[in-house]
């Protein structure tokens, strides 16, 4: 394989963008393991009291991630996030204004390599003051195993939990499609029925998360590595679907709103696809 190295005269700005993405890759793949290793080393050393204090804090703080977290404006203003955004770059496209007194569930498509938490979602959309948005990766772990350049197949026909959640809390549903999301990584071939796919499905059933074998580019070369490609991503936020609160929704209520959601998602894709590099003959497939 011929390796394409990055030029030496890359501007500092682009180097900082790559570093910002590198820290995200490290956090996604290895930060938890490093923190666990540090905790074990502390517990086995003369500094074991520090590990004990941290364990106590962890127990007291256990529910914070699912109850809104602990927002820090100082952290949100770090320059690293701006460099991260500009690496691709990432663009958020708003099609309509949203009522700040309402709560919303954004159905995010395609899945890519992200995940969501049901308990955190429920906490956000049940708050009476409104103004909260919960983002759900609707396709779930199975869709992540098919996330690769050109993929336009969405696993949504049997995904109705977020629909039920919207009805129970009266949260407005908003379809969101991220054009370019699947172009950021390649993935090892894993067609249905292949040994690799069977192993991934088995691991997913055991651990509850997908294990896609993704790859893209490196830090100083463009031929292989785990850093995403520099591809523009345009995340288009559709118009909200009004939802009347139904504390105990029936199957008919859920199915009816689900059909409306899929129709709105399809329309959002068709109206915007040619603006962001897709051809007229390219369409979404729902399975």
C-alpha atoms as a PDB file:
ATOM      1  CA  UNK A   1       0.000   0.000   0.000  1.00  0.00           C
ATOM      2  CA  UNK A   2       1.346   3.411  -0.990  1.00  0.00           C
ATOM      3  CA  UNK A   3       1.339   5.838   1.936  1.00  0.00           C
ATOM      4  CA  UNK A   4       0.375   9.452   1.247  1.00  0.00           C
ATOM      5  CA  UNK A   5       2.132  11.645   3.795  1.00  0.00           C
ATOM      6  CA  UNK A   6       0.883  15.057   4.869  1.00  0.00           C
ATOM      7  CA  UNK A   7       2.976  17.977   3.609  1.00  0.00           C
ATOM      8  CA  UNK A   8       5.408  19.626   6.034  1.00  0.00           C
ATOM      9  CA  UNK A   9       4.121  23.146   5.412  1.00  0.00           C
ATOM     10  CA  UNK A  10       0.613  22.568   6.760  1.00  0.00           C
ATOM     11  CA  UNK A  11      -0.632  25.789   8.440  1.00  0.00           C
ATOM     12  CA  UNK A  12      -0.667  25.830  12.244  1.00  0.00           C
ATOM     13  CA  UNK A  13      -4.430  26.303  12.202  1.00  0.00           C
ATOM     14  CA  UNK A  14      -4.924  22.956  10.461  1.00  0.00           C
ATOM     15  CA  UNK A  15      -2.464  21.273  12.837  1.00  0.00           C
ATOM     16  CA  UNK A  16      -4.529  22.519  15.764  1.00  0.00           C
ATOM     17  CA  UNK A  17      -7.714  21.233  14.109  1.00  0.00           C
ATOM     18  CA  UNK A  18      -6.151  17.785  13.742  1.00  0.00           C
ATOM     19  CA  UNK A  19      -5.021  17.870  17.387  1.00  0.00           C
ATOM     20  CA  UNK A  20      -8.570  18.741  18.488  1.00  0.00           C
ATOM     21  CA  UNK A  21      -9.963  15.749  16.609  1.00  0.00           C
ATOM     22  CA  UNK A  22      -7.166  13.520  17.929  1.00  0.00           C
ATOM     23  CA  UNK A  23      -8.166  14.283  21.533  1.00  0.00           C
ATOM     24  CA  UNK A  24     -11.763  13.351  20.661  1.00  0.00           C
ATOM     25  CA  UNK A  25     -10.631  10.015  19.182  1.00  0.00           C
ATOM     26  CA  UNK A  26      -8.542   9.345  22.284  1.00  0.00           C
ATOM     27  CA  UNK A  27     -11.482  10.210  24.572  1.00  0.00           C
ATOM     28  CA  UNK A  28     -13.840   7.990  22.580  1.00  0.00           C
ATOM     29  CA  UNK A  29     -11.549   4.965  22.422  1.00  0.00           C
ATOM     30  CA  UNK A  30      -9.216   5.045  25.417  1.00  0.00           C
ATOM     31  CA  UNK A  31      -9.991   7.696  28.044  1.00  0.00           C
ATOM     32  CA  UNK A  32     -12.233   5.419  30.142  1.00  0.00           C
ATOM     33  CA  UNK A  33      -9.622   2.636  30.148  1.00  0.00           C
ATOM     34  CA  UNK A  34      -6.864   5.077  31.140  1.00  0.00           C
ATOM     35  CA  UNK A  35      -8.969   6.492  33.977  1.00  0.00           C
ATOM     36  CA  UNK A  36      -9.765   2.986  35.222  1.00  0.00           C
ATOM     37  CA  UNK A  37      -6.083   2.055  35.141  1.00  0.00           C
ATOM     38  CA  UNK A  38      -5.169   5.236  37.055  1.00  0.00           C
ATOM     39  CA  UNK A  39      -7.847   4.434  39.665  1.00  0.00           C
ATOM     40  CA  UNK A  40      -6.509   0.884  40.163  1.00  0.00           C
ATOM     41  CA  UNK A  41      -2.910   2.133  40.447  1.00  0.00           C
ATOM     42  CA  UNK A  42      -3.962   4.718  43.039  1.00  0.00           C
ATOM     43  CA  UNK A  43      -5.910   2.099  45.010  1.00  0.00           C
ATOM     44  CA  UNK A  44      -2.821  -0.160  45.153  1.00  0.00           C
ATOM     45  CA  UNK A  45      -0.397   2.625  46.079  1.00  0.00           C
ATOM     46  CA  UNK A  46       0.277   4.774  49.128  1.00  0.00           C
ATOM     47  CA  UNK A  47      -2.285   7.189  47.671  1.00  0.00           C
ATOM     48  CA  UNK A  48      -5.156   4.751  48.195  1.00  0.00           C
ATOM     49  CA  UNK A  49      -7.074   7.370  50.193  1.00  0.00           C
ATOM     50  CA  UNK A  50      -7.435   9.418  46.990  1.00  0.00           C
ATOM     51  CA  UNK A  51      -8.980   6.417  45.236  1.00  0.00           C
ATOM     52  CA  UNK A  52     -11.339   5.914  48.182  1.00  0.00           C
ATOM     53  CA  UNK A  53     -12.441   9.556  48.118  1.00  0.00           C
ATOM     54  CA  UNK A  54     -13.021   9.369  44.369  1.00  0.00           C
ATOM     55  CA  UNK A  55     -15.092   6.168  44.777  1.00  0.00           C
ATOM     56  CA  UNK A  56     -17.252   7.980  47.330  1.00  0.00           C
ATOM     57  CA  UNK A  57     -17.719  10.937  44.981  1.00  0.00           C
ATOM     58  CA  UNK A  58     -18.568   8.571  42.113  1.00  0.00           C
ATOM     59  CA  UNK A  59     -21.274   6.931  44.228  1.00  0.00           C
ATOM     60  CA  UNK A  60     -22.790  10.287  45.241  1.00  0.00           C
ATOM     61  CA  UNK A  61     -22.623  11.632  41.688  1.00  0.00           C
ATOM     62  CA  UNK A  62     -23.843   8.462  39.936  1.00  0.00           C
ATOM     63  CA  UNK A  63     -27.096   9.889  38.547  1.00  0.00           C
ATOM     64  CA  UNK A  64     -25.751  13.227  37.331  1.00  0.00           C
ATOM     65  CA  UNK A  65     -25.124  12.159  33.695  1.00  0.00           C
ATOM     66  CA  UNK A  66     -28.771  11.064  33.320  1.00  0.00           C
ATOM     67  CA  UNK A  67     -30.255  14.120  35.037  1.00  0.00           C
ATOM     68  CA  UNK A  68     -28.967  16.908  32.847  1.00  0.00           C
ATOM     69  CA  UNK A  69     -25.264  16.705  33.637  1.00  0.00           C
ATOM     70  CA  UNK A  70     -23.281  19.619  35.010  1.00  0.00           C
ATOM     71  CA  UNK A  71     -23.031  22.278  32.320  1.00  0.00           C
ATOM     72  CA  UNK A  72     -19.982  24.538  32.395  1.00  0.00           C
ATOM     73  CA  UNK A  73     -19.936  27.652  30.229  1.00  0.00           C
ATOM     74  CA  UNK A  74     -16.170  27.850  30.792  1.00  0.00           C
ATOM     75  CA  UNK A  75     -15.641  24.400  29.279  1.00  0.00           C
ATOM     76  CA  UNK A  76     -18.111  25.103  26.465  1.00  0.00           C
ATOM     77  CA  UNK A  77     -16.027  28.129  25.424  1.00  0.00           C
ATOM     78  CA  UNK A  78     -12.765  26.204  25.075  1.00  0.00           C
ATOM     79  CA  UNK A  79     -11.066  26.814  21.720  1.00  0.00           C
ATOM     80  CA  UNK A  80     -10.678  23.058  21.196  1.00  0.00           C
ATOM     81  CA  UNK A  81     -14.354  22.772  20.210  1.00  0.00           C
ATOM     82  CA  UNK A  82     -13.996  25.501  17.581  1.00  0.00           C
ATOM     83  CA  UNK A  83     -10.971  23.763  16.079  1.00  0.00           C
ATOM     84  CA  UNK A  84     -12.883  20.476  16.161  1.00  0.00           C
ATOM     85  CA  UNK A  85     -15.803  22.039  14.267  1.00  0.00           C
ATOM     86  CA  UNK A  86     -13.566  23.633  11.652  1.00  0.00           C
ATOM     87  CA  UNK A  87     -11.623  20.417  10.958  1.00  0.00           C
ATOM     88  CA  UNK A  88     -14.418  18.948   8.794  1.00  0.00           C
ATOM     89  CA  UNK A  89     -16.081  21.570   8.893  1.00  0.00           C
ATOM     90  CA  UNK A  90     -19.386  20.969  10.715  1.00  0.00           C
ATOM     91  CA  UNK A  91     -22.385  23.116   9.807  1.00  0.00           C
ATOM     92  CA  UNK A  92     -25.762  23.186  11.564  1.00  0.00           C
ATOM     93  CA  UNK A  93     -28.595  24.172   9.217  1.00  0.00           C
ATOM     94  CA  UNK A  94     -31.834  25.408  10.809  1.00  0.00           C
ATOM     95  CA  UNK A  95     -34.905  25.258   8.551  1.00  0.00           C
ATOM     96  CA  UNK A  96     -37.410  26.852  10.988  1.00  0.00           C
ATOM     97  CA  UNK A  97     -37.367  28.646  14.318  1.00  0.00           C
ATOM     98  CA  UNK A  98     -38.236  26.519  17.347  1.00  0.00           C
ATOM     99  CA  UNK A  99     -40.563  27.602  20.147  1.00  0.00           C
ATOM    100  CA  UNK A 100     -38.359  27.941  23.288  1.00  0.00           C
ATOM    101  CA  UNK A 101     -41.284  27.008  25.552  1.00  0.00           C
ATOM    102  CA  UNK A 102     -41.496  23.486  24.087  1.00  0.00           C
ATOM    103  CA  UNK A 103     -39.378  20.392  24.642  1.00  0.00           C
ATOM    104  CA  UNK A 104     -38.087  18.527  21.592  1.00  0.00           C
ATOM    105  CA  UNK A 105     -36.825  15.114  20.616  1.00  0.00           C
ATOM    106  CA  UNK A 106     -34.435  15.312  17.663  1.00  0.00           C
ATOM    107  CA  UNK A 107     -34.292  12.057  15.708  1.00  0.00           C
ATOM    108  CA  UNK A 108     -30.727  11.999  14.384  1.00  0.00           C
ATOM    109  CA  UNK A 109     -29.886  10.166  11.146  1.00  0.00           C
ATOM    110  CA  UNK A 110     -27.757   8.402  10.069  1.00  0.00           C
ATOM    111  CA  UNK A 111     -26.414   6.720  13.176  1.00  0.00           C
ATOM    112  CA  UNK A 112     -22.693   7.059  12.446  1.00  0.00           C
ATOM    113  CA  UNK A 113     -20.768   6.173  15.618  1.00  0.00           C
ATOM    114  CA  UNK A 114     -22.806   7.797  18.328  1.00  0.00           C
ATOM    115  CA  UNK A 115     -25.199   6.610  21.011  1.00  0.00           C
ATOM    116  CA  UNK A 116     -27.914   7.917  23.336  1.00  0.00           C
ATOM    117  CA  UNK A 117     -29.361   7.224  26.790  1.00  0.00           C
ATOM    118  CA  UNK A 118     -33.074   6.632  27.408  1.00  0.00           C
ATOM    119  CA  UNK A 119     -33.082   7.809  31.032  1.00  0.00           C
ATOM    120  CA  UNK A 120     -31.297  11.052  30.140  1.00  0.00           C
ATOM    121  CA  UNK A 121     -33.760  11.668  27.306  1.00  0.00           C
ATOM    122  CA  UNK A 122     -36.746  11.135  29.592  1.00  0.00           C
ATOM    123  CA  UNK A 123     -35.362  13.582  32.151  1.00  0.00           C
ATOM    124  CA  UNK A 124     -34.876  16.339  29.585  1.00  0.00           C
ATOM    125  CA  UNK A 125     -38.251  16.153  27.826  1.00  0.00           C
ATOM    126  CA  UNK A 126     -40.229  15.884  31.077  1.00  0.00           C
ATOM    127  CA  UNK A 127     -39.069  19.269  32.404  1.00  0.00           C
ATOM    128  CA  UNK A 128     -42.080  21.621  32.486  1.00  0.00           C
ATOM    129  CA  UNK A 129     -40.241  24.871  31.733  1.00  0.00           C
ATOM    130  CA  UNK A 130     -39.480  23.746  28.166  1.00  0.00           C
ATOM    131  CA  UNK A 131     -36.507  24.782  26.090  1.00  0.00           C
ATOM    132  CA  UNK A 132     -34.829  21.366  26.195  1.00  0.00           C
ATOM    133  CA  UNK A 133     -33.657  19.212  23.290  1.00  0.00           C
ATOM    134  CA  UNK A 134     -32.860  15.503  23.518  1.00  0.00           C
ATOM    135  CA  UNK A 135     -31.053  13.950  20.554  1.00  0.00           C
ATOM    136  CA  UNK A 136     -31.712  10.286  19.767  1.00  0.00           C
ATOM    137  CA  UNK A 137     -29.609   8.191  17.381  1.00  0.00           C
ATOM    138  CA  UNK A 138     -32.674   6.362  16.083  1.00  0.00           C
ATOM    139  CA  UNK A 139     -30.887   3.643  14.115  1.00  0.00           C
ATOM    140  CA  UNK A 140     -29.245   2.254  17.217  1.00  0.00           C
ATOM    141  CA  UNK A 141     -26.237  -0.027  17.382  1.00  0.00           C
ATOM    142  CA  UNK A 142     -27.199  -2.184  14.340  1.00  0.00           C
ATOM    143  CA  UNK A 143     -27.154   0.830  12.003  1.00  0.00           C
ATOM    144  CA  UNK A 144     -23.629   1.725  13.156  1.00  0.00           C
ATOM    145  CA  UNK A 145     -22.413  -1.571  11.680  1.00  0.00           C
ATOM    146  CA  UNK A 146     -23.488  -0.345   8.226  1.00  0.00           C
ATOM    147  CA  UNK A 147     -22.130   3.203   8.588  1.00  0.00           C
ATOM    148  CA  UNK A 148     -19.780   3.709   5.638  1.00  0.00           C
ATOM    149  CA  UNK A 149     -19.414   6.164   2.720  1.00  0.00           C
ATOM    150  CA  UNK A 150     -22.478   6.208   0.485  1.00  0.00           C
ATOM    151  CA  UNK A 151     -24.745   4.337   2.911  1.00  0.00           C
ATOM    152  CA  UNK A 152     -28.342   5.611   2.824  1.00  0.00           C
ATOM    153  CA  UNK A 153     -30.128   2.729   4.530  1.00  0.00           C
ATOM    154  CA  UNK A 154     -31.747   3.614   7.856  1.00  0.00           C
ATOM    155  CA  UNK A 155     -32.996   1.109  10.428  1.00  0.00           C
ATOM    156  CA  UNK A 156     -36.124   2.966  11.501  1.00  0.00           C
ATOM    157  CA  UNK A 157     -39.208   0.885  10.695  1.00  0.00           C
ATOM    158  CA  UNK A 158     -39.123  -0.972  14.020  1.00  0.00           C
ATOM    159  CA  UNK A 159     -37.644   1.898  16.036  1.00  0.00           C
ATOM    160  CA  UNK A 160     -40.617   3.329  17.907  1.00  0.00           C
ATOM    161  CA  UNK A 161     -39.379   3.845  21.463  1.00  0.00           C
ATOM    162  CA  UNK A 162     -38.634   7.532  20.840  1.00  0.00           C
ATOM    163  CA  UNK A 163     -42.116   7.937  19.350  1.00  0.00           C
ATOM    164  CA  UNK A 164     -43.669   6.547  22.519  1.00  0.00           C
ATOM    165  CA  UNK A 165     -41.472   8.819  24.625  1.00  0.00           C
ATOM    166  CA  UNK A 166     -42.583  11.876  22.646  1.00  0.00           C
ATOM    167  CA  UNK A 167     -46.245  10.974  23.131  1.00  0.00           C
ATOM    168  CA  UNK A 168     -45.877  10.308  26.864  1.00  0.00           C
ATOM    169  CA  UNK A 169     -44.241  13.686  27.487  1.00  0.00           C
ATOM    170  CA  UNK A 170     -45.816  15.760  24.711  1.00  0.00           C
ATOM    171  CA  UNK A 171     -42.390  16.557  23.254  1.00  0.00           C
ATOM    172  CA  UNK A 172     -42.297  17.803  19.679  1.00  0.00           C
ATOM    173  CA  UNK A 173     -40.568  15.470  17.206  1.00  0.00           C
ATOM    174  CA  UNK A 174     -37.932  16.891  14.874  1.00  0.00           C
ATOM    175  CA  UNK A 175     -36.274  14.833  12.094  1.00  0.00           C
ATOM    176  CA  UNK A 176     -32.578  15.626  11.611  1.00  0.00           C
ATOM    177  CA  UNK A 177     -30.400  14.376   8.770  1.00  0.00           C
ATOM    178  CA  UNK A 178     -26.637  14.856   8.780  1.00  0.00           C
ATOM    179  CA  UNK A 179     -25.358  14.934   5.195  1.00  0.00           C
ATOM    180  CA  UNK A 180     -21.767  13.696   5.102  1.00  0.00           C
ATOM    181  CA  UNK A 181     -21.908  11.864   8.445  1.00  0.00           C
ATOM    182  CA  UNK A 182     -21.226   8.472   6.864  1.00  0.00           C
ATOM    183  CA  UNK A 183     -18.356   9.847   4.764  1.00  0.00           C
ATOM    184  CA  UNK A 184     -16.080  10.387   7.772  1.00  0.00           C
ATOM    185  CA  UNK A 185     -14.933   6.768   8.200  1.00  0.00           C
ATOM    186  CA  UNK A 186     -14.493   3.633   6.150  1.00  0.00           C
ATOM    187  CA  UNK A 187     -15.411   0.319   7.739  1.00  0.00           C
ATOM    188  CA  UNK A 188     -14.169  -3.204   7.165  1.00  0.00           C
ATOM    189  CA  UNK A 189     -16.499  -5.172   4.915  1.00  0.00           C
ATOM    190  CA  UNK A 190     -19.018  -6.980   7.114  1.00  0.00           C
ATOM    191  CA  UNK A 191     -21.994  -8.085   4.976  1.00  0.00           C
ATOM    192  CA  UNK A 192     -24.897  -9.810   6.690  1.00  0.00           C
ATOM    193  CA  UNK A 193     -24.062 -13.450   7.351  1.00  0.00           C
ATOM    194  CA  UNK A 194     -20.285 -12.984   7.189  1.00  0.00           C
ATOM    195  CA  UNK A 195     -18.131 -14.314  10.085  1.00  0.00           C
ATOM    196  CA  UNK A 196     -17.203 -10.765  11.096  1.00  0.00           C
ATOM    197  CA  UNK A 197     -20.838  -9.628  11.150  1.00  0.00           C
ATOM    198  CA  UNK A 198     -21.898 -12.660  13.187  1.00  0.00           C
ATOM    199  CA  UNK A 199     -19.143 -11.884  15.715  1.00  0.00           C
ATOM    200  CA  UNK A 200     -20.190  -8.209  15.868  1.00  0.00           C
ATOM    201  CA  UNK A 201     -23.834  -9.161  16.371  1.00  0.00           C
ATOM    202  CA  UNK A 202     -22.827 -11.567  19.131  1.00  0.00           C
ATOM    203  CA  UNK A 203     -20.729  -8.932  20.924  1.00  0.00           C
ATOM    204  CA  UNK A 204     -23.552  -6.432  20.535  1.00  0.00           C
ATOM    205  CA  UNK A 205     -26.056  -8.825  22.142  1.00  0.00           C
ATOM    206  CA  UNK A 206     -23.669  -9.324  25.079  1.00  0.00           C
ATOM    207  CA  UNK A 207     -22.444  -5.762  25.647  1.00  0.00           C
ATOM    208  CA  UNK A 208     -25.312  -3.729  24.205  1.00  0.00           C
ATOM    209  CA  UNK A 209     -23.036  -1.607  22.007  1.00  0.00           C
ATOM    210  CA  UNK A 210     -21.857  -1.960  18.423  1.00  0.00           C
ATOM    211  CA  UNK A 211     -18.210  -2.724  17.608  1.00  0.00           C
ATOM    212  CA  UNK A 212     -17.654  -1.357  14.085  1.00  0.00           C
ATOM    213  CA  UNK A 213     -14.096  -1.805  12.767  1.00  0.00           C
ATOM    214  CA  UNK A 214     -13.693   1.682  11.347  1.00  0.00           C
ATOM    215  CA  UNK A 215     -10.650   3.363   9.863  1.00  0.00           C
ATOM    216  CA  UNK A 216      -9.765   6.551   8.010  1.00  0.00           C
ATOM    217  CA  UNK A 217      -6.528   8.579   8.110  1.00  0.00           C
ATOM    218  CA  UNK A 218      -3.645   9.239  10.486  1.00  0.00           C
ATOM    219  CA  UNK A 219      -2.026  12.320  12.003  1.00  0.00           C
ATOM    220  CA  UNK A 220       0.903  12.689   9.592  1.00  0.00           C
ATOM    221  CA  UNK A 221      -0.388  10.622   6.662  1.00  0.00           C
ATOM    222  CA  UNK A 222      -3.683  10.203   4.826  1.00  0.00           C
ATOM    223  CA  UNK A 223      -3.652   6.465   4.074  1.00  0.00           C
ATOM    224  CA  UNK A 224      -4.675   4.744   7.299  1.00  0.00           C
ATOM    225  CA  UNK A 225      -5.530   5.488  10.930  1.00  0.00           C
ATOM    226  CA  UNK A 226      -8.430   6.276  13.243  1.00  0.00           C
ATOM    227  CA  UNK A 227      -8.798  10.010  12.641  1.00  0.00           C
ATOM    228  CA  UNK A 228     -11.868  10.884  10.523  1.00  0.00           C
ATOM    229  CA  UNK A 229     -11.494  12.229   7.000  1.00  0.00           C
ATOM    230  CA  UNK A 230     -11.749  15.970   6.418  1.00  0.00           C
ATOM    231  CA  UNK A 231     -15.203  15.868   4.850  1.00  0.00           C
ATOM    232  CA  UNK A 232     -17.856  18.588   5.267  1.00  0.00           C
ATOM    233  CA  UNK A 233     -20.849  17.613   7.391  1.00  0.00           C
ATOM    234  CA  UNK A 234     -24.129  19.516   7.064  1.00  0.00           C
ATOM    235  CA  UNK A 235     -26.616  18.672   9.799  1.00  0.00           C
ATOM    236  CA  UNK A 236     -30.064  19.813   8.671  1.00  0.00           C
ATOM    237  CA  UNK A 237     -32.722  20.269  11.367  1.00  0.00           C
ATOM    238  CA  UNK A 238     -36.254  19.820  10.023  1.00  0.00           C
ATOM    239  CA  UNK A 239     -39.517  21.357  11.110  1.00  0.00           C
ATOM    240  CA  UNK A 240     -41.109  20.065  14.334  1.00  0.00           C
ATOM    241  CA  UNK A 241     -44.012  17.642  14.262  1.00  0.00           C
ATOM    242  CA  UNK A 242     -46.696  18.721  16.780  1.00  0.00           C
ATOM    243  CA  UNK A 243     -47.354  16.049  19.415  1.00  0.00           C
ATOM    244  CA  UNK A 244     -50.243  16.016  21.876  1.00  0.00           C
ATOM    245  CA  UNK A 245     -49.357  14.484  25.223  1.00  0.00           C
ATOM    246  CA  UNK A 246     -50.790  10.986  25.675  1.00  0.00           C
ATOM    247  CA  UNK A 247     -49.671   9.480  28.973  1.00  0.00           C
ATOM    248  CA  UNK A 248     -50.600   5.930  27.922  1.00  0.00           C
ATOM    249  CA  UNK A 249     -50.324   5.904  24.109  1.00  0.00           C
ATOM    250  CA  UNK A 250     -51.915   2.999  22.234  1.00  0.00           C
ATOM    251  CA  UNK A 251     -50.224   1.036  19.466  1.00  0.00           C
ATOM    252  CA  UNK A 252     -52.357   2.963  16.976  1.00  0.00           C
ATOM    253  CA  UNK A 253     -51.146   6.287  18.400  1.00  0.00           C
ATOM    254  CA  UNK A 254     -47.516   5.196  18.160  1.00  0.00           C
ATOM    255  CA  UNK A 255     -47.827   3.735  14.649  1.00  0.00           C
ATOM    256  CA  UNK A 256     -49.656   6.807  13.342  1.00  0.00           C
ATOM    257  CA  UNK A 257     -47.052   9.258  14.644  1.00  0.00           C
ATOM    258  CA  UNK A 258     -44.271   6.968  13.427  1.00  0.00           C
ATOM    259  CA  UNK A 259     -45.647   7.094   9.866  1.00  0.00           C
ATOM    260  CA  UNK A 260     -45.819  10.893  10.007  1.00  0.00           C
ATOM    261  CA  UNK A 261     -42.234  11.041  11.284  1.00  0.00           C
ATOM    262  CA  UNK A 262     -40.903   8.816   8.485  1.00  0.00           C
ATOM    263  CA  UNK A 263     -42.712  10.914   5.876  1.00  0.00           C
ATOM    264  CA  UNK A 264     -41.238  14.132   7.266  1.00  0.00           C
ATOM    265  CA  UNK A 265     -37.772  12.577   7.399  1.00  0.00           C
ATOM    266  CA  UNK A 266     -38.033  11.506   3.763  1.00  0.00           C
ATOM    267  CA  UNK A 267     -39.188  14.968   2.715  1.00  0.00           C
ATOM    268  CA  UNK A 268     -36.328  16.613   4.625  1.00  0.00           C
ATOM    269  CA  UNK A 269     -33.808  14.408   2.821  1.00  0.00           C
ATOM    270  CA  UNK A 270     -35.312  14.916  -0.642  1.00  0.00           C
ATOM    271  CA  UNK A 271     -35.546  18.694  -0.254  1.00  0.00           C
ATOM    272  CA  UNK A 272     -31.900  19.069   0.731  1.00  0.00           C
ATOM    273  CA  UNK A 273     -29.929  16.234  -0.870  1.00  0.00           C
ATOM    274  CA  UNK A 274     -28.833  18.095  -4.022  1.00  0.00           C
ATOM    275  CA  UNK A 275     -27.664  21.051  -1.919  1.00  0.00           C
ATOM    276  CA  UNK A 276     -25.133  18.805  -0.192  1.00  0.00           C
ATOM    277  CA  UNK A 277     -23.597  16.736  -2.954  1.00  0.00           C
ATOM    278  CA  UNK A 278     -26.085  13.933  -3.598  1.00  0.00           C
ATOM    279  CA  UNK A 279     -27.676  13.052  -6.922  1.00  0.00           C
ATOM    280  CA  UNK A 280     -31.347  13.044  -7.857  1.00  0.00           C
ATOM    281  CA  UNK A 281     -31.400   9.221  -8.113  1.00  0.00           C
ATOM    282  CA  UNK A 282     -30.162   8.739  -4.540  1.00  0.00           C
ATOM    283  CA  UNK A 283     -32.895   8.028  -2.001  1.00  0.00           C
ATOM    284  CA  UNK A 284     -33.241   6.850   1.571  1.00  0.00           C
ATOM    285  CA  UNK A 285     -34.174   3.229   2.253  1.00  0.00           C
ATOM    286  CA  UNK A 286     -36.041   2.404   5.459  1.00  0.00           C
ATOM    287  CA  UNK A 287     -35.715  -1.089   6.917  1.00  0.00           C
END
